[in-house]
């Protein structure tokens, strides 16, 4: 679900420990063929560093993607790449709740895709528990509390992603059902929130009207996000504070003026926030 000026979150991994076969594959003797061999870890670290440089380097033609590697095991201080067994061990022993949310959206984008799918299968018990995991509610409240604190601290109430009734609340709404019931309802093991919400209706977890309001709000917010970021290719989710910026955004969204746009935006955000809070309150009841 990339937006117009999105960064990409990458996690590098490889199947197993071992060594490369060396540089001299045409050599006659095993000794010659072994020259220049390195461990798989050394090889993939070097390869991934080159890839990151190629993706994020700013040239006269711009750059390919902004790349964020902080979702990898141990975060910013962790190894750049890990083998499958090390990855599985990390998540089973040290994996944190927020990492489960992140892995819901994981997909294989390069390399040996069959091996990658095998890894995803290995990690499923971490992401989707085989029991009804109601502890997710508490972790979600904690994450949402931290986000809300940051929003207040930095004056980000007009942030359509992190603010009240923003994109993140819609994603959390769907993901909380995925993490609680995904292990026993395989249909919920899907990445797109636009697929998840109708499944929740089919399974009887939410009303159709709730699904329709959340989907309508999601589309409106995502379109707003695209328009914000298309302007000067800025990675932002903040509504413009100036009249010119407001007029441009309203016009790009098909509204005659800022007031008309703001009223529609407010309506969507109010509905989203109400549904999100209602979900959390139901668990408290």
C-alpha atoms as a PDB file:
ATOM      1  CA  UNK A   1       0.000   0.000   0.000  1.00  0.00           C
ATOM      2  CA  UNK A   2       2.587   2.511  -1.132  1.00  0.00           C
ATOM      3  CA  UNK A   3       1.578   6.131  -1.388  1.00  0.00           C
ATOM      4  CA  UNK A   4       2.900   8.698  -3.857  1.00  0.00           C
ATOM      5  CA  UNK A   5       6.020   9.602  -1.873  1.00  0.00           C
ATOM      6  CA  UNK A   6       6.316   6.583   0.371  1.00  0.00           C
ATOM      7  CA  UNK A   7       9.428   5.083   1.844  1.00  0.00           C
ATOM      8  CA  UNK A   8       9.771   1.309   1.765  1.00  0.00           C
ATOM      9  CA  UNK A   9      10.459  -0.900   4.768  1.00  0.00           C
ATOM     10  CA  UNK A  10      12.841  -3.699   3.827  1.00  0.00           C
ATOM     11  CA  UNK A  11      14.019  -6.779   5.708  1.00  0.00           C
ATOM     12  CA  UNK A  12      16.845  -8.779   4.120  1.00  0.00           C
ATOM     13  CA  UNK A  13      17.248 -12.491   4.731  1.00  0.00           C
ATOM     14  CA  UNK A  14      18.765 -15.612   3.173  1.00  0.00           C
ATOM     15  CA  UNK A  15      18.004 -19.322   3.620  1.00  0.00           C
ATOM     16  CA  UNK A  16      21.002 -20.791   5.426  1.00  0.00           C
ATOM     17  CA  UNK A  17      24.543 -20.495   6.706  1.00  0.00           C
ATOM     18  CA  UNK A  18      27.383 -21.577   4.454  1.00  0.00           C
ATOM     19  CA  UNK A  19      29.991 -20.251   2.067  1.00  0.00           C
ATOM     20  CA  UNK A  20      30.069 -19.022  -1.490  1.00  0.00           C
ATOM     21  CA  UNK A  21      31.803 -21.215  -4.050  1.00  0.00           C
ATOM     22  CA  UNK A  22      34.513 -18.668  -4.791  1.00  0.00           C
ATOM     23  CA  UNK A  23      35.536 -16.650  -7.818  1.00  0.00           C
ATOM     24  CA  UNK A  24      37.184 -19.232 -10.029  1.00  0.00           C
ATOM     25  CA  UNK A  25      34.429 -21.558 -11.202  1.00  0.00           C
ATOM     26  CA  UNK A  26      36.346 -22.259 -14.427  1.00  0.00           C
ATOM     27  CA  UNK A  27      39.464 -23.327 -12.537  1.00  0.00           C
ATOM     28  CA  UNK A  28      40.511 -26.964 -12.787  1.00  0.00           C
ATOM     29  CA  UNK A  29      41.378 -27.800  -9.192  1.00  0.00           C
ATOM     30  CA  UNK A  30      39.115 -27.562  -6.102  1.00  0.00           C
ATOM     31  CA  UNK A  31      41.784 -25.398  -4.436  1.00  0.00           C
ATOM     32  CA  UNK A  32      41.649 -22.835  -7.226  1.00  0.00           C
ATOM     33  CA  UNK A  33      37.858 -22.896  -7.267  1.00  0.00           C
ATOM     34  CA  UNK A  34      37.779 -22.169  -3.537  1.00  0.00           C
ATOM     35  CA  UNK A  35      39.822 -19.001  -3.806  1.00  0.00           C
ATOM     36  CA  UNK A  36      37.886 -15.913  -2.830  1.00  0.00           C
ATOM     37  CA  UNK A  37      35.057 -17.752  -1.090  1.00  0.00           C
ATOM     38  CA  UNK A  38      33.321 -15.918   1.763  1.00  0.00           C
ATOM     39  CA  UNK A  39      30.574 -16.818   4.196  1.00  0.00           C
ATOM     40  CA  UNK A  40      27.006 -16.419   3.037  1.00  0.00           C
ATOM     41  CA  UNK A  41      26.564 -13.743   5.671  1.00  0.00           C
ATOM     42  CA  UNK A  42      29.494 -11.684   4.370  1.00  0.00           C
ATOM     43  CA  UNK A  43      28.267 -12.056   0.809  1.00  0.00           C
ATOM     44  CA  UNK A  44      24.703 -10.950   1.518  1.00  0.00           C
ATOM     45  CA  UNK A  45      25.729  -8.063   3.772  1.00  0.00           C
ATOM     46  CA  UNK A  46      27.886  -6.694   0.958  1.00  0.00           C
ATOM     47  CA  UNK A  47      25.158  -7.295  -1.620  1.00  0.00           C
ATOM     48  CA  UNK A  48      22.485  -5.605   0.497  1.00  0.00           C
ATOM     49  CA  UNK A  49      24.653  -2.565   1.152  1.00  0.00           C
ATOM     50  CA  UNK A  50      25.134  -2.111  -2.576  1.00  0.00           C
ATOM     51  CA  UNK A  51      21.403  -2.492  -3.153  1.00  0.00           C
ATOM     52  CA  UNK A  52      20.574   0.108  -0.501  1.00  0.00           C
ATOM     53  CA  UNK A  53      22.998   2.542  -2.095  1.00  0.00           C
ATOM     54  CA  UNK A  54      21.469   1.971  -5.526  1.00  0.00           C
ATOM     55  CA  UNK A  55      17.922   2.479  -4.241  1.00  0.00           C
ATOM     56  CA  UNK A  56      18.464   5.579  -2.129  1.00  0.00           C
ATOM     57  CA  UNK A  57      21.297   7.400  -3.911  1.00  0.00           C
ATOM     58  CA  UNK A  58      20.236  10.858  -5.076  1.00  0.00           C
ATOM     59  CA  UNK A  59      21.264  11.386  -8.695  1.00  0.00           C
ATOM     60  CA  UNK A  60      20.409  13.984 -11.325  1.00  0.00           C
ATOM     61  CA  UNK A  61      17.358  11.828 -12.091  1.00  0.00           C
ATOM     62  CA  UNK A  62      16.297  11.674  -8.448  1.00  0.00           C
ATOM     63  CA  UNK A  63      16.223   8.482  -6.386  1.00  0.00           C
ATOM     64  CA  UNK A  64      14.335   5.195  -6.574  1.00  0.00           C
ATOM     65  CA  UNK A  65      12.964   4.876  -3.021  1.00  0.00           C
ATOM     66  CA  UNK A  66      13.480   6.196   0.452  1.00  0.00           C
ATOM     67  CA  UNK A  67      14.461   3.058   2.354  1.00  0.00           C
ATOM     68  CA  UNK A  68      13.774   2.322   6.020  1.00  0.00           C
ATOM     69  CA  UNK A  69      15.560  -0.667   7.574  1.00  0.00           C
ATOM     70  CA  UNK A  70      14.362  -0.183  11.162  1.00  0.00           C
ATOM     71  CA  UNK A  71      11.801  -2.999  11.004  1.00  0.00           C
ATOM     72  CA  UNK A  72      14.515  -5.658  10.848  1.00  0.00           C
ATOM     73  CA  UNK A  73      15.250  -7.763  13.946  1.00  0.00           C
ATOM     74  CA  UNK A  74      16.828  -5.670  16.729  1.00  0.00           C
ATOM     75  CA  UNK A  75      16.013  -2.506  14.775  1.00  0.00           C
ATOM     76  CA  UNK A  76      18.631   0.044  13.788  1.00  0.00           C
ATOM     77  CA  UNK A  77      21.349  -1.691  15.811  1.00  0.00           C
ATOM     78  CA  UNK A  78      20.661  -5.152  14.410  1.00  0.00           C
ATOM     79  CA  UNK A  79      22.472  -7.052  11.656  1.00  0.00           C
ATOM     80  CA  UNK A  80      21.644  -5.918   8.144  1.00  0.00           C
ATOM     81  CA  UNK A  81      20.729  -9.432   7.034  1.00  0.00           C
ATOM     82  CA  UNK A  82      19.975 -12.715   8.850  1.00  0.00           C
ATOM     83  CA  UNK A  83      19.428 -16.318   7.807  1.00  0.00           C
ATOM     84  CA  UNK A  84      16.008 -17.958   8.084  1.00  0.00           C
ATOM     85  CA  UNK A  85      16.720 -19.914  11.279  1.00  0.00           C
ATOM     86  CA  UNK A  86      18.083 -16.829  13.043  1.00  0.00           C
ATOM     87  CA  UNK A  87      15.032 -14.834  11.946  1.00  0.00           C
ATOM     88  CA  UNK A  88      12.612 -17.464  13.217  1.00  0.00           C
ATOM     89  CA  UNK A  89      14.475 -17.757  16.522  1.00  0.00           C
ATOM     90  CA  UNK A  90      14.420 -13.991  17.040  1.00  0.00           C
ATOM     91  CA  UNK A  91      10.688 -13.618  16.471  1.00  0.00           C
ATOM     92  CA  UNK A  92       9.718 -16.649  18.533  1.00  0.00           C
ATOM     93  CA  UNK A  93      11.851 -15.594  21.507  1.00  0.00           C
ATOM     94  CA  UNK A  94      12.173 -11.811  21.330  1.00  0.00           C
ATOM     95  CA  UNK A  95       9.548 -10.673  18.828  1.00  0.00           C
ATOM     96  CA  UNK A  96       7.544  -7.709  20.074  1.00  0.00           C
ATOM     97  CA  UNK A  97       3.846  -7.112  19.629  1.00  0.00           C
ATOM     98  CA  UNK A  98       4.257  -4.205  17.213  1.00  0.00           C
ATOM     99  CA  UNK A  99       6.358  -6.462  14.971  1.00  0.00           C
ATOM    100  CA  UNK A 100       3.352  -8.727  14.527  1.00  0.00           C
ATOM    101  CA  UNK A 101       1.432  -5.753  13.130  1.00  0.00           C
ATOM    102  CA  UNK A 102       4.268  -5.025  10.710  1.00  0.00           C
ATOM    103  CA  UNK A 103       4.555  -8.619   9.483  1.00  0.00           C
ATOM    104  CA  UNK A 104       0.866  -8.747   8.568  1.00  0.00           C
ATOM    105  CA  UNK A 105       1.793  -6.632   5.540  1.00  0.00           C
ATOM    106  CA  UNK A 106       4.984  -8.514   4.647  1.00  0.00           C
ATOM    107  CA  UNK A 107       5.448  -9.818   1.119  1.00  0.00           C
ATOM    108  CA  UNK A 108       8.315 -11.262  -0.877  1.00  0.00           C
ATOM    109  CA  UNK A 109       9.532  -8.791  -3.488  1.00  0.00           C
ATOM    110  CA  UNK A 110      12.859 -10.167  -4.757  1.00  0.00           C
ATOM    111  CA  UNK A 111      15.209 -13.121  -4.764  1.00  0.00           C
ATOM    112  CA  UNK A 112      14.111 -16.732  -4.325  1.00  0.00           C
ATOM    113  CA  UNK A 113      10.381 -16.208  -3.863  1.00  0.00           C
ATOM    114  CA  UNK A 114       9.691 -19.868  -3.098  1.00  0.00           C
ATOM    115  CA  UNK A 115      12.217 -19.729  -0.250  1.00  0.00           C
ATOM    116  CA  UNK A 116      10.704 -16.445   0.894  1.00  0.00           C
ATOM    117  CA  UNK A 117       7.239 -17.959   1.060  1.00  0.00           C
ATOM    118  CA  UNK A 118       8.703 -20.783   3.127  1.00  0.00           C
ATOM    119  CA  UNK A 119      10.015 -18.213   5.611  1.00  0.00           C
ATOM    120  CA  UNK A 120       6.602 -16.554   5.836  1.00  0.00           C
ATOM    121  CA  UNK A 121       5.117 -19.941   6.667  1.00  0.00           C
ATOM    122  CA  UNK A 122       7.745 -20.403   9.390  1.00  0.00           C
ATOM    123  CA  UNK A 123       6.803 -17.041  10.911  1.00  0.00           C
ATOM    124  CA  UNK A 124       3.028 -17.527  10.805  1.00  0.00           C
ATOM    125  CA  UNK A 125       2.847 -18.935  14.363  1.00  0.00           C
ATOM    126  CA  UNK A 126       4.423 -15.681  15.567  1.00  0.00           C
ATOM    127  CA  UNK A 127       2.097 -13.438  13.562  1.00  0.00           C
ATOM    128  CA  UNK A 128      -1.149 -15.379  13.852  1.00  0.00           C
ATOM    129  CA  UNK A 129      -1.666 -17.282  17.098  1.00  0.00           C
ATOM    130  CA  UNK A 130      -3.612 -20.538  17.098  1.00  0.00           C
ATOM    131  CA  UNK A 131      -5.854 -19.230  19.873  1.00  0.00           C
ATOM    132  CA  UNK A 132      -8.010 -16.136  20.357  1.00  0.00           C
ATOM    133  CA  UNK A 133      -5.342 -13.642  21.401  1.00  0.00           C
ATOM    134  CA  UNK A 134      -7.225 -10.918  23.288  1.00  0.00           C
ATOM    135  CA  UNK A 135      -3.951  -9.581  24.695  1.00  0.00           C
ATOM    136  CA  UNK A 136      -3.700  -7.694  21.411  1.00  0.00           C
ATOM    137  CA  UNK A 137      -6.143  -5.095  22.759  1.00  0.00           C
ATOM    138  CA  UNK A 138      -3.764  -4.014  25.489  1.00  0.00           C
ATOM    139  CA  UNK A 139      -0.778  -3.773  23.152  1.00  0.00           C
ATOM    140  CA  UNK A 140      -2.858  -1.751  20.699  1.00  0.00           C
ATOM    141  CA  UNK A 141      -3.917   0.674  23.415  1.00  0.00           C
ATOM    142  CA  UNK A 142      -0.283   1.090  24.370  1.00  0.00           C
ATOM    143  CA  UNK A 143       0.828   1.751  20.787  1.00  0.00           C
ATOM    144  CA  UNK A 144      -2.055   4.123  20.145  1.00  0.00           C
ATOM    145  CA  UNK A 145      -1.290   5.940  23.397  1.00  0.00           C
ATOM    146  CA  UNK A 146       2.312   6.516  22.336  1.00  0.00           C
ATOM    147  CA  UNK A 147       1.202   7.773  18.923  1.00  0.00           C
ATOM    148  CA  UNK A 148      -1.367  10.119  20.481  1.00  0.00           C
ATOM    149  CA  UNK A 149       1.280  11.498  22.823  1.00  0.00           C
ATOM    150  CA  UNK A 150       3.574  12.226  19.884  1.00  0.00           C
ATOM    151  CA  UNK A 151       0.704  13.851  17.989  1.00  0.00           C
ATOM    152  CA  UNK A 152      -0.018  16.182  20.912  1.00  0.00           C
ATOM    153  CA  UNK A 153       3.635  16.885  21.633  1.00  0.00           C
ATOM    154  CA  UNK A 154       4.433  17.889  18.063  1.00  0.00           C
ATOM    155  CA  UNK A 155       1.126  19.567  17.205  1.00  0.00           C
ATOM    156  CA  UNK A 156       0.166  16.937  14.623  1.00  0.00           C
ATOM    157  CA  UNK A 157      -3.611  17.017  15.060  1.00  0.00           C
ATOM    158  CA  UNK A 158      -3.915  17.784  11.337  1.00  0.00           C
ATOM    159  CA  UNK A 159      -1.883  14.707  10.436  1.00  0.00           C
ATOM    160  CA  UNK A 160      -4.235  12.516   8.397  1.00  0.00           C
ATOM    161  CA  UNK A 161      -2.200   9.386   9.073  1.00  0.00           C
ATOM    162  CA  UNK A 162      -1.447   9.529  12.792  1.00  0.00           C
ATOM    163  CA  UNK A 163      -4.044  11.996  14.063  1.00  0.00           C
ATOM    164  CA  UNK A 164      -7.480  11.169  15.438  1.00  0.00           C
ATOM    165  CA  UNK A 165      -9.600   9.414  12.810  1.00  0.00           C
ATOM    166  CA  UNK A 166      -6.598   8.962  10.541  1.00  0.00           C
ATOM    167  CA  UNK A 167      -5.348   6.181   8.294  1.00  0.00           C
ATOM    168  CA  UNK A 168      -3.574   4.422  11.147  1.00  0.00           C
ATOM    169  CA  UNK A 169      -6.823   3.969  13.109  1.00  0.00           C
ATOM    170  CA  UNK A 170      -8.458   2.223  10.139  1.00  0.00           C
ATOM    171  CA  UNK A 171      -5.452  -0.073   9.785  1.00  0.00           C
ATOM    172  CA  UNK A 172      -5.439  -0.806  13.513  1.00  0.00           C
ATOM    173  CA  UNK A 173      -9.168  -1.564  13.385  1.00  0.00           C
ATOM    174  CA  UNK A 174      -8.624  -4.332  10.846  1.00  0.00           C
ATOM    175  CA  UNK A 175      -5.342  -5.583  12.238  1.00  0.00           C
ATOM    176  CA  UNK A 176      -6.710  -6.115  15.728  1.00  0.00           C
ATOM    177  CA  UNK A 177      -9.140  -8.684  14.298  1.00  0.00           C
ATOM    178  CA  UNK A 178      -6.364 -10.216  12.210  1.00  0.00           C
ATOM    179  CA  UNK A 179      -4.080 -10.710  15.194  1.00  0.00           C
ATOM    180  CA  UNK A 180      -6.841 -11.946  17.500  1.00  0.00           C
ATOM    181  CA  UNK A 181      -8.547 -14.316  15.072  1.00  0.00           C
ATOM    182  CA  UNK A 182      -6.159 -14.751  12.144  1.00  0.00           C
ATOM    183  CA  UNK A 183      -4.841 -18.032  13.525  1.00  0.00           C
ATOM    184  CA  UNK A 184      -8.306 -19.597  13.527  1.00  0.00           C
ATOM    185  CA  UNK A 185      -9.810 -17.713  10.559  1.00  0.00           C
ATOM    186  CA  UNK A 186      -7.247 -18.122   7.727  1.00  0.00           C
ATOM    187  CA  UNK A 187      -9.179 -15.747   5.457  1.00  0.00           C
ATOM    188  CA  UNK A 188      -7.950 -12.891   7.658  1.00  0.00           C
ATOM    189  CA  UNK A 189      -4.329 -13.664   6.805  1.00  0.00           C
ATOM    190  CA  UNK A 190      -4.204 -11.064   4.052  1.00  0.00           C
ATOM    191  CA  UNK A 191      -2.343  -7.779   3.648  1.00  0.00           C
ATOM    192  CA  UNK A 192      -4.797  -5.226   2.222  1.00  0.00           C
ATOM    193  CA  UNK A 193      -7.109  -3.487   4.674  1.00  0.00           C
ATOM    194  CA  UNK A 194      -9.596  -3.100   1.806  1.00  0.00           C
ATOM    195  CA  UNK A 195      -9.826  -6.897   1.687  1.00  0.00           C
ATOM    196  CA  UNK A 196      -9.843  -7.381   5.456  1.00  0.00           C
ATOM    197  CA  UNK A 197     -12.880  -5.220   6.240  1.00  0.00           C
ATOM    198  CA  UNK A 198     -15.308  -7.069   3.895  1.00  0.00           C
ATOM    199  CA  UNK A 199     -14.064 -10.378   5.335  1.00  0.00           C
ATOM    200  CA  UNK A 200     -14.962  -9.113   8.809  1.00  0.00           C
ATOM    201  CA  UNK A 201     -18.498  -8.531   7.535  1.00  0.00           C
ATOM    202  CA  UNK A 202     -18.671 -12.004   5.971  1.00  0.00           C
ATOM    203  CA  UNK A 203     -17.486 -13.591   9.220  1.00  0.00           C
ATOM    204  CA  UNK A 204     -20.049 -11.644  11.236  1.00  0.00           C
ATOM    205  CA  UNK A 205     -17.533  -9.626  13.249  1.00  0.00           C
ATOM    206  CA  UNK A 206     -18.719  -6.162  12.147  1.00  0.00           C
ATOM    207  CA  UNK A 207     -21.793  -4.664  10.500  1.00  0.00           C
ATOM    208  CA  UNK A 208     -21.789  -3.898   6.785  1.00  0.00           C
ATOM    209  CA  UNK A 209     -22.421  -0.202   7.504  1.00  0.00           C
ATOM    210  CA  UNK A 210     -19.251  -0.044   9.614  1.00  0.00           C
ATOM    211  CA  UNK A 211     -17.251  -1.603   6.789  1.00  0.00           C
ATOM    212  CA  UNK A 212     -18.652   0.833   4.231  1.00  0.00           C
ATOM    213  CA  UNK A 213     -17.904   3.889   6.369  1.00  0.00           C
ATOM    214  CA  UNK A 214     -14.356   2.754   7.102  1.00  0.00           C
ATOM    215  CA  UNK A 215     -13.669   1.935   3.451  1.00  0.00           C
ATOM    216  CA  UNK A 216     -15.069   5.276   2.288  1.00  0.00           C
ATOM    217  CA  UNK A 217     -12.934   7.067   4.865  1.00  0.00           C
ATOM    218  CA  UNK A 218      -9.872   5.064   3.887  1.00  0.00           C
ATOM    219  CA  UNK A 219     -10.212   5.919   0.196  1.00  0.00           C
ATOM    220  CA  UNK A 220     -10.781   9.596   0.979  1.00  0.00           C
ATOM    221  CA  UNK A 221      -7.782   9.794   3.310  1.00  0.00           C
ATOM    222  CA  UNK A 222      -5.507   7.907   0.926  1.00  0.00           C
ATOM    223  CA  UNK A 223      -6.474  10.198  -1.949  1.00  0.00           C
ATOM    224  CA  UNK A 224      -5.819  13.205   0.280  1.00  0.00           C
ATOM    225  CA  UNK A 225      -2.456  11.713   1.208  1.00  0.00           C
ATOM    226  CA  UNK A 226      -1.532  11.310  -2.456  1.00  0.00           C
ATOM    227  CA  UNK A 227      -2.448  14.928  -3.228  1.00  0.00           C
ATOM    228  CA  UNK A 228      -0.401  16.195  -0.289  1.00  0.00           C
ATOM    229  CA  UNK A 229       2.639  14.241  -1.393  1.00  0.00           C
ATOM    230  CA  UNK A 230       2.346  14.967  -5.095  1.00  0.00           C
ATOM    231  CA  UNK A 231       2.988  18.604  -4.269  1.00  0.00           C
ATOM    232  CA  UNK A 232       6.792  18.997  -4.524  1.00  0.00           C
ATOM    233  CA  UNK A 233       7.192  15.232  -3.878  1.00  0.00           C
ATOM    234  CA  UNK A 234       7.086  15.749  -0.118  1.00  0.00           C
ATOM    235  CA  UNK A 235       6.743  12.859   2.317  1.00  0.00           C
ATOM    236  CA  UNK A 236       4.065  14.447   4.473  1.00  0.00           C
ATOM    237  CA  UNK A 237       0.678  13.666   5.992  1.00  0.00           C
ATOM    238  CA  UNK A 238       0.112  17.119   7.441  1.00  0.00           C
ATOM    239  CA  UNK A 239      -2.666  19.343   6.130  1.00  0.00           C
ATOM    240  CA  UNK A 240      -1.366  22.664   4.770  1.00  0.00           C
ATOM    241  CA  UNK A 241      -1.611  25.619   7.197  1.00  0.00           C
ATOM    242  CA  UNK A 242      -1.568  28.335   4.514  1.00  0.00           C
ATOM    243  CA  UNK A 243      -4.489  29.496   2.378  1.00  0.00           C
ATOM    244  CA  UNK A 244      -2.795  28.784  -0.945  1.00  0.00           C
ATOM    245  CA  UNK A 245      -1.899  25.245   0.070  1.00  0.00           C
ATOM    246  CA  UNK A 246      -5.407  24.669   1.377  1.00  0.00           C
ATOM    247  CA  UNK A 247      -6.985  25.976  -1.826  1.00  0.00           C
ATOM    248  CA  UNK A 248      -4.720  23.766  -3.957  1.00  0.00           C
ATOM    249  CA  UNK A 249      -5.514  20.666  -1.905  1.00  0.00           C
ATOM    250  CA  UNK A 250      -9.258  21.316  -1.968  1.00  0.00           C
ATOM    251  CA  UNK A 251      -9.232  21.859  -5.739  1.00  0.00           C
ATOM    252  CA  UNK A 252      -7.141  18.735  -6.344  1.00  0.00           C
ATOM    253  CA  UNK A 253      -9.716  16.726  -4.377  1.00  0.00           C
ATOM    254  CA  UNK A 254     -12.578  18.109  -6.466  1.00  0.00           C
ATOM    255  CA  UNK A 255     -13.960  20.645  -3.964  1.00  0.00           C
ATOM    256  CA  UNK A 256     -14.826  24.267  -4.653  1.00  0.00           C
ATOM    257  CA  UNK A 257     -13.141  25.561  -1.518  1.00  0.00           C
ATOM    258  CA  UNK A 258     -11.325  24.598   1.661  1.00  0.00           C
ATOM    259  CA  UNK A 259     -14.445  24.765   3.810  1.00  0.00           C
ATOM    260  CA  UNK A 260     -16.264  22.164   1.720  1.00  0.00           C
ATOM    261  CA  UNK A 261     -13.234  19.878   1.742  1.00  0.00           C
ATOM    262  CA  UNK A 262     -12.705  20.323   5.489  1.00  0.00           C
ATOM    263  CA  UNK A 263     -16.305  19.431   6.267  1.00  0.00           C
ATOM    264  CA  UNK A 264     -16.065  16.185   4.309  1.00  0.00           C
ATOM    265  CA  UNK A 265     -12.701  15.351   5.840  1.00  0.00           C
ATOM    266  CA  UNK A 266     -14.048  16.035   9.331  1.00  0.00           C
ATOM    267  CA  UNK A 267     -17.048  13.776   8.689  1.00  0.00           C
ATOM    268  CA  UNK A 268     -14.836  10.858   7.649  1.00  0.00           C
ATOM    269  CA  UNK A 269     -12.402  11.306  10.529  1.00  0.00           C
ATOM    270  CA  UNK A 270     -15.207  11.515  13.090  1.00  0.00           C
ATOM    271  CA  UNK A 271     -16.734   8.249  11.866  1.00  0.00           C
ATOM    272  CA  UNK A 272     -13.367   6.473  11.777  1.00  0.00           C
ATOM    273  CA  UNK A 273     -12.454   7.604  15.283  1.00  0.00           C
ATOM    274  CA  UNK A 274     -15.865   6.640  16.642  1.00  0.00           C
ATOM    275  CA  UNK A 275     -15.647   3.106  15.226  1.00  0.00           C
ATOM    276  CA  UNK A 276     -12.085   2.689  16.470  1.00  0.00           C
ATOM    277  CA  UNK A 277     -12.892   3.858  19.995  1.00  0.00           C
ATOM    278  CA  UNK A 278     -16.064   1.767  20.083  1.00  0.00           C
ATOM    279  CA  UNK A 279     -14.018  -1.330  19.278  1.00  0.00           C
ATOM    280  CA  UNK A 280     -11.623  -0.683  22.157  1.00  0.00           C
ATOM    281  CA  UNK A 281     -14.439   0.171  24.564  1.00  0.00           C
ATOM    282  CA  UNK A 282     -16.292  -3.058  23.745  1.00  0.00           C
ATOM    283  CA  UNK A 283     -13.316  -5.021  25.009  1.00  0.00           C
ATOM    284  CA  UNK A 284     -13.305  -2.995  28.235  1.00  0.00           C
ATOM    285  CA  UNK A 285     -17.010  -3.624  28.827  1.00  0.00           C
END
